[in-house]
Amino acid sequence: MSNAPHLYQDLITLFNECFVDTYNTRLVKGGDEPIYLPADENRDYHAIYFAHGYYSSALHEISHWLIAGDERRKLEDFGYWYVPDGRTAEQQKVFEQVEVKPQAIEWVLSAAAGYRFHISADNLNGEATDASEFKQAVFSQVGIYSKQGLPERAEQLRKKLCGFYRTSDCIDIECFDFSSL
């Protein structure tokens, strides 16, 4: 882990340095619920709002943006279906399928920042499920990214985080500890 403090203000600065000019997108500290809002008549930029100034929330919301394509970035919350905490086992399985790639990217970005990654099933009040398959799927996706590379924007931010936090530029799967999940 990095010895540098993990301040959400630094993450905002680093993200905005990478993407304000090229994608007209800003990372913004939000309130209770994170949300992505495309530019509209009230705001001339796209905004990724993360919850309560939590560094991990910012990394997670950024990860969704990093894998969203051009069309999804035109939609509120990228047009994804979302059922809040309290999901059934079936709803949880669908949630986990959608979360594999963003959480894999979040883990890679967390490593680049020297920040501990915590997998999130985000269903504390829902039906109990076994998260082992989900954890394995996220770990496997990190392995795919380590072999094939990250999407371009994710790689750009990863390198920026590595430079700022002075962490290893390693993205090899051996750099990731499955048992930490």
C-alpha atoms as a PDB file:
ATOM      1  CA  MET A   1       0.000   0.000   0.000  1.00  0.00           C
ATOM      2  CA  SER A   2       1.081   3.540  -0.635  1.00  0.00           C
ATOM      3  CA  ASN A   3       2.167   5.648   2.334  1.00  0.00           C
ATOM      4  CA  ALA A   4       0.549   8.692   0.736  1.00  0.00           C
ATOM      5  CA  PRO A   5      -2.816   9.713   2.153  1.00  0.00           C
ATOM      6  CA  HIS A   6      -5.767   8.893  -0.065  1.00  0.00           C
ATOM      7  CA  LEU A   7      -7.679  12.125  -0.322  1.00  0.00           C
ATOM      8  CA  TYR A   8     -10.705  12.311  -2.560  1.00  0.00           C
ATOM      9  CA  GLN A   9      -9.595  15.809  -3.581  1.00  0.00           C
ATOM     10  CA  ASP A  10      -6.451  14.331  -5.143  1.00  0.00           C
ATOM     11  CA  LEU A  11      -8.500  11.777  -7.030  1.00  0.00           C
ATOM     12  CA  ILE A  12     -10.783  14.542  -8.322  1.00  0.00           C
ATOM     13  CA  THR A  13      -7.751  16.501  -9.515  1.00  0.00           C
ATOM     14  CA  LEU A  14      -6.111  13.502 -11.196  1.00  0.00           C
ATOM     15  CA  PHE A  15      -9.322  12.384 -12.911  1.00  0.00           C
ATOM     16  CA  ASN A  16     -10.155  15.891 -14.090  1.00  0.00           C
ATOM     17  CA  GLU A  17      -6.625  16.416 -15.426  1.00  0.00           C
ATOM     18  CA  CYS A  18      -7.090  13.300 -17.543  1.00  0.00           C
ATOM     19  CA  PHE A  19     -10.640  13.772 -18.802  1.00  0.00           C
ATOM     20  CA  VAL A  20     -12.101  17.283 -18.491  1.00  0.00           C
ATOM     21  CA  ASP A  21     -10.639  18.532 -21.762  1.00  0.00           C
ATOM     22  CA  THR A  22     -10.990  15.351 -23.814  1.00  0.00           C
ATOM     23  CA  TYR A  23     -14.348  14.030 -22.526  1.00  0.00           C
ATOM     24  CA  ASN A  24     -15.925  17.077 -20.851  1.00  0.00           C
ATOM     25  CA  THR A  25     -16.363  14.901 -17.764  1.00  0.00           C
ATOM     26  CA  ARG A  26     -15.731  15.848 -14.150  1.00  0.00           C
ATOM     27  CA  LEU A  27     -15.499  13.834 -10.956  1.00  0.00           C
ATOM     28  CA  VAL A  28     -17.620  15.493  -8.260  1.00  0.00           C
ATOM     29  CA  LYS A  29     -18.119  14.813  -4.550  1.00  0.00           C
ATOM     30  CA  GLY A  30     -21.768  13.960  -4.066  1.00  0.00           C
ATOM     31  CA  GLY A  31     -24.168  13.090  -1.261  1.00  0.00           C
ATOM     32  CA  ASP A  32     -25.849   9.852  -0.263  1.00  0.00           C
ATOM     33  CA  GLU A  33     -26.070   8.120  -3.629  1.00  0.00           C
ATOM     34  CA  PRO A  34     -23.531   8.055  -6.426  1.00  0.00           C
ATOM     35  CA  ILE A  35     -24.813   8.855  -9.905  1.00  0.00           C
ATOM     36  CA  TYR A  36     -23.542   9.664 -13.381  1.00  0.00           C
ATOM     37  CA  LEU A  37     -25.318  12.535 -15.133  1.00  0.00           C
ATOM     38  CA  PRO A  38     -24.628  13.495 -18.734  1.00  0.00           C
ATOM     39  CA  ALA A  39     -24.439  17.183 -19.606  1.00  0.00           C
ATOM     40  CA  ASP A  40     -27.795  18.889 -19.960  1.00  0.00           C
ATOM     41  CA  GLU A  41     -29.356  22.364 -20.040  1.00  0.00           C
ATOM     42  CA  ASN A  42     -28.421  22.918 -16.366  1.00  0.00           C
ATOM     43  CA  ARG A  43     -24.823  21.631 -16.480  1.00  0.00           C
ATOM     44  CA  ASP A  44     -22.550  21.904 -19.510  1.00  0.00           C
ATOM     45  CA  TYR A  45     -20.336  18.960 -18.500  1.00  0.00           C
ATOM     46  CA  HIS A  46     -20.848  15.277 -17.710  1.00  0.00           C
ATOM     47  CA  ALA A  47     -20.609  14.573 -13.974  1.00  0.00           C
ATOM     48  CA  ILE A  48     -19.620  11.482 -12.026  1.00  0.00           C
ATOM     49  CA  TYR A  49     -20.946  12.037  -8.502  1.00  0.00           C
ATOM     50  CA  PHE A  50     -19.507   9.750  -5.830  1.00  0.00           C
ATOM     51  CA  ALA A  51     -20.910   9.228  -2.334  1.00  0.00           C
ATOM     52  CA  HIS A  52     -19.899  11.327   0.688  1.00  0.00           C
ATOM     53  CA  GLY A  53     -16.343  12.010  -0.379  1.00  0.00           C
ATOM     54  CA  TYR A  54     -15.409   8.340  -0.038  1.00  0.00           C
ATOM     55  CA  TYR A  55     -12.281   7.522  -2.002  1.00  0.00           C
ATOM     56  CA  SER A  56     -13.503   3.980  -2.710  1.00  0.00           C
ATOM     57  CA  SER A  57     -16.858   5.258  -3.978  1.00  0.00           C
ATOM     58  CA  ALA A  58     -15.035   7.577  -6.362  1.00  0.00           C
ATOM     59  CA  LEU A  59     -12.878   4.733  -7.687  1.00  0.00           C
ATOM     60  CA  HIS A  60     -15.951   2.567  -8.169  1.00  0.00           C
ATOM     61  CA  GLU A  61     -17.975   5.201 -10.030  1.00  0.00           C
ATOM     62  CA  ILE A  62     -14.963   6.112 -12.160  1.00  0.00           C
ATOM     63  CA  SER A  63     -14.627   2.437 -13.104  1.00  0.00           C
ATOM     64  CA  HIS A  64     -18.165   2.356 -14.466  1.00  0.00           C
ATOM     65  CA  TRP A  65     -17.430   5.446 -16.540  1.00  0.00           C
ATOM     66  CA  LEU A  66     -14.169   3.985 -17.824  1.00  0.00           C
ATOM     67  CA  ILE A  67     -15.901   1.006 -19.421  1.00  0.00           C
ATOM     68  CA  ALA A  68     -19.002   2.842 -20.643  1.00  0.00           C
ATOM     69  CA  GLY A  69     -19.039   3.388 -24.386  1.00  0.00           C
ATOM     70  CA  ASP A  70     -20.024   6.580 -26.187  1.00  0.00           C
ATOM     71  CA  GLU A  71     -23.750   5.787 -26.225  1.00  0.00           C
ATOM     72  CA  ARG A  72     -23.918   4.705 -22.576  1.00  0.00           C
ATOM     73  CA  ARG A  73     -22.172   7.928 -21.538  1.00  0.00           C
ATOM     74  CA  LYS A  74     -25.133   9.856 -22.979  1.00  0.00           C
ATOM     75  CA  LEU A  75     -27.511   8.179 -20.481  1.00  0.00           C
ATOM     76  CA  GLU A  76     -28.137   8.847 -16.809  1.00  0.00           C
ATOM     77  CA  ASP A  77     -26.242   6.204 -14.818  1.00  0.00           C
ATOM     78  CA  PHE A  78     -25.188   4.801 -18.208  1.00  0.00           C
ATOM     79  CA  GLY A  79     -28.701   3.392 -18.656  1.00  0.00           C
ATOM     80  CA  TYR A  80     -28.033   0.525 -16.258  1.00  0.00           C
ATOM     81  CA  TRP A  81     -30.733  -1.234 -14.336  1.00  0.00           C
ATOM     82  CA  TYR A  82     -30.233  -0.969 -10.608  1.00  0.00           C
ATOM     83  CA  VAL A  83     -32.139  -2.529  -7.748  1.00  0.00           C
ATOM     84  CA  PRO A  84     -30.961  -1.136  -4.400  1.00  0.00           C
ATOM     85  CA  ASP A  85     -29.762  -3.094  -1.382  1.00  0.00           C
ATOM     86  CA  GLY A  86     -32.293  -5.771  -0.466  1.00  0.00           C
ATOM     87  CA  ARG A  87     -32.060  -7.785  -3.690  1.00  0.00           C
ATOM     88  CA  THR A  88     -33.206 -11.377  -4.074  1.00  0.00           C
ATOM     89  CA  ALA A  89     -30.624 -14.037  -4.923  1.00  0.00           C
ATOM     90  CA  GLU A  90     -31.685 -13.871  -8.588  1.00  0.00           C
ATOM     91  CA  GLN A  91     -31.437 -10.064  -8.684  1.00  0.00           C
ATOM     92  CA  GLN A  92     -28.047 -10.297  -6.962  1.00  0.00           C
ATOM     93  CA  LYS A  93     -26.731 -12.666  -9.624  1.00  0.00           C
ATOM     94  CA  VAL A  94     -27.700 -10.184 -12.358  1.00  0.00           C
ATOM     95  CA  PHE A  95     -26.101  -7.345 -10.356  1.00  0.00           C
ATOM     96  CA  GLU A  96     -22.861  -9.300  -9.999  1.00  0.00           C
ATOM     97  CA  GLN A  97     -22.705 -10.060 -13.730  1.00  0.00           C
ATOM     98  CA  VAL A  98     -22.847  -6.328 -14.489  1.00  0.00           C
ATOM     99  CA  GLU A  99     -20.277  -5.533 -11.789  1.00  0.00           C
ATOM    100  CA  VAL A 100     -17.442  -7.888 -12.819  1.00  0.00           C
ATOM    101  CA  LYS A 101     -15.640  -5.557 -15.236  1.00  0.00           C
ATOM    102  CA  PRO A 102     -16.091  -2.339 -13.242  1.00  0.00           C
ATOM    103  CA  GLN A 103     -14.887  -3.995 -10.048  1.00  0.00           C
ATOM    104  CA  ALA A 104     -11.909  -5.526 -11.851  1.00  0.00           C
ATOM    105  CA  ILE A 105     -10.954  -2.070 -13.110  1.00  0.00           C
ATOM    106  CA  GLU A 106     -11.566  -0.641  -9.645  1.00  0.00           C
ATOM    107  CA  TRP A 107      -9.150  -3.225  -8.228  1.00  0.00           C
ATOM    108  CA  VAL A 108      -6.495  -2.330 -10.810  1.00  0.00           C
ATOM    109  CA  LEU A 109      -6.936   1.392 -10.075  1.00  0.00           C
ATOM    110  CA  SER A 110      -6.843   0.734  -6.323  1.00  0.00           C
ATOM    111  CA  ALA A 111      -3.537  -1.092  -6.765  1.00  0.00           C
ATOM    112  CA  ALA A 112      -2.212   1.809  -8.837  1.00  0.00           C
ATOM    113  CA  ALA A 113      -3.130   4.167  -5.994  1.00  0.00           C
ATOM    114  CA  GLY A 114      -1.752   1.867  -3.306  1.00  0.00           C
ATOM    115  CA  TYR A 115      -5.248   1.672  -1.856  1.00  0.00           C
ATOM    116  CA  ARG A 116      -6.867  -1.470  -0.506  1.00  0.00           C
ATOM    117  CA  PHE A 117      -9.623  -2.841  -2.741  1.00  0.00           C
ATOM    118  CA  HIS A 118     -12.773  -4.276  -1.212  1.00  0.00           C
ATOM    119  CA  ILE A 119     -15.087  -6.229  -3.462  1.00  0.00           C
ATOM    120  CA  SER A 120     -18.644  -4.991  -3.131  1.00  0.00           C
ATOM    121  CA  ALA A 121     -21.697  -7.194  -3.389  1.00  0.00           C
ATOM    122  CA  ASP A 122     -23.705  -4.124  -2.261  1.00  0.00           C
ATOM    123  CA  ASN A 123     -26.562  -6.197  -0.807  1.00  0.00           C
ATOM    124  CA  LEU A 124     -26.281  -6.077   2.985  1.00  0.00           C
ATOM    125  CA  ASN A 125     -30.033  -6.324   3.565  1.00  0.00           C
ATOM    126  CA  GLY A 126     -30.795  -8.756   0.771  1.00  0.00           C
ATOM    127  CA  GLU A 127     -31.091 -12.483   0.494  1.00  0.00           C
ATOM    128  CA  ALA A 128     -27.878 -14.208   1.567  1.00  0.00           C
ATOM    129  CA  THR A 129     -25.802 -15.449  -1.375  1.00  0.00           C
ATOM    130  CA  ASP A 130     -22.399 -17.022  -1.880  1.00  0.00           C
ATOM    131  CA  ALA A 131     -20.054 -14.377  -3.317  1.00  0.00           C
ATOM    132  CA  SER A 132     -17.245 -16.810  -4.137  1.00  0.00           C
ATOM    133  CA  GLU A 133     -18.169 -17.059  -7.849  1.00  0.00           C
ATOM    134  CA  PHE A 134     -18.373 -13.270  -8.069  1.00  0.00           C
ATOM    135  CA  LYS A 135     -14.960 -12.862  -6.440  1.00  0.00           C
ATOM    136  CA  GLN A 136     -13.471 -15.438  -8.807  1.00  0.00           C
ATOM    137  CA  ALA A 137     -15.038 -13.687 -11.810  1.00  0.00           C
ATOM    138  CA  VAL A 138     -13.552 -10.323 -10.761  1.00  0.00           C
ATOM    139  CA  PHE A 139     -10.130 -11.911 -10.199  1.00  0.00           C
ATOM    140  CA  SER A 140     -10.342 -13.654 -13.594  1.00  0.00           C
ATOM    141  CA  GLN A 141     -11.238 -10.361 -15.276  1.00  0.00           C
ATOM    142  CA  VAL A 142      -8.172  -8.727 -13.707  1.00  0.00           C
ATOM    143  CA  GLY A 143      -6.195 -11.605 -15.259  1.00  0.00           C
ATOM    144  CA  ILE A 144      -7.718 -10.834 -18.661  1.00  0.00           C
ATOM    145  CA  TYR A 145      -6.828  -7.160 -18.295  1.00  0.00           C
ATOM    146  CA  SER A 146      -3.289  -8.102 -17.282  1.00  0.00           C
ATOM    147  CA  LYS A 147      -2.889 -10.082 -20.522  1.00  0.00           C
ATOM    148  CA  GLN A 148      -4.894  -7.966 -22.971  1.00  0.00           C
ATOM    149  CA  GLY A 149      -4.483  -4.530 -21.412  1.00  0.00           C
ATOM    150  CA  LEU A 150      -7.031  -2.145 -19.997  1.00  0.00           C
ATOM    151  CA  PRO A 151      -9.432  -0.012 -22.002  1.00  0.00           C
ATOM    152  CA  GLU A 152      -7.626   3.151 -23.143  1.00  0.00           C
ATOM    153  CA  ARG A 153      -9.147   5.572 -20.609  1.00  0.00           C
ATOM    154  CA  ALA A 154      -8.620   3.130 -17.733  1.00  0.00           C
ATOM    155  CA  GLU A 155      -4.968   2.731 -18.691  1.00  0.00           C
ATOM    156  CA  GLN A 156      -4.537   6.496 -18.876  1.00  0.00           C
ATOM    157  CA  LEU A 157      -5.881   6.951 -15.345  1.00  0.00           C
ATOM    158  CA  ARG A 158      -3.963   3.936 -14.024  1.00  0.00           C
ATOM    159  CA  LYS A 159      -0.683   5.428 -15.200  1.00  0.00           C
ATOM    160  CA  LYS A 160      -1.608   8.808 -13.695  1.00  0.00           C
ATOM    161  CA  LEU A 161      -2.339   7.143 -10.332  1.00  0.00           C
ATOM    162  CA  CYS A 162       0.920   5.158 -10.423  1.00  0.00           C
ATOM    163  CA  GLY A 163       2.858   8.371 -11.032  1.00  0.00           C
ATOM    164  CA  PHE A 164       1.093  10.351  -8.327  1.00  0.00           C
ATOM    165  CA  TYR A 165       1.276   7.662  -5.651  1.00  0.00           C
ATOM    166  CA  ARG A 166       4.681   6.355  -6.789  1.00  0.00           C
ATOM    167  CA  THR A 167       3.429   2.796  -6.978  1.00  0.00           C
ATOM    168  CA  SER A 168       4.497  -0.111  -9.153  1.00  0.00           C
ATOM    169  CA  ASP A 169       3.399  -0.004 -12.762  1.00  0.00           C
ATOM    170  CA  CYS A 170       2.690  -3.755 -12.493  1.00  0.00           C
ATOM    171  CA  ILE A 171      -0.598  -4.978 -13.894  1.00  0.00           C
ATOM    172  CA  ASP A 172       0.460  -8.623 -13.987  1.00  0.00           C
ATOM    173  CA  ILE A 173      -2.048 -10.942 -12.302  1.00  0.00           C
ATOM    174  CA  GLU A 174       0.694 -12.085  -9.916  1.00  0.00           C
ATOM    175  CA  CYS A 175       0.567  -8.578  -8.413  1.00  0.00           C
ATOM    176  CA  PHE A 176      -3.010  -9.224  -7.211  1.00  0.00           C
ATOM    177  CA  ASP A 177      -3.812 -11.324  -4.159  1.00  0.00           C
ATOM    178  CA  PHE A 178      -7.072 -13.270  -4.517  1.00  0.00           C
ATOM    179  CA  SER A 179      -7.043 -14.112  -0.814  1.00  0.00           C
ATOM    180  CA  SER A 180      -7.426 -10.390  -0.018  1.00  0.00           C
ATOM    181  CA  LEU A 181     -10.920 -10.424  -1.464  1.00  0.00           C
END
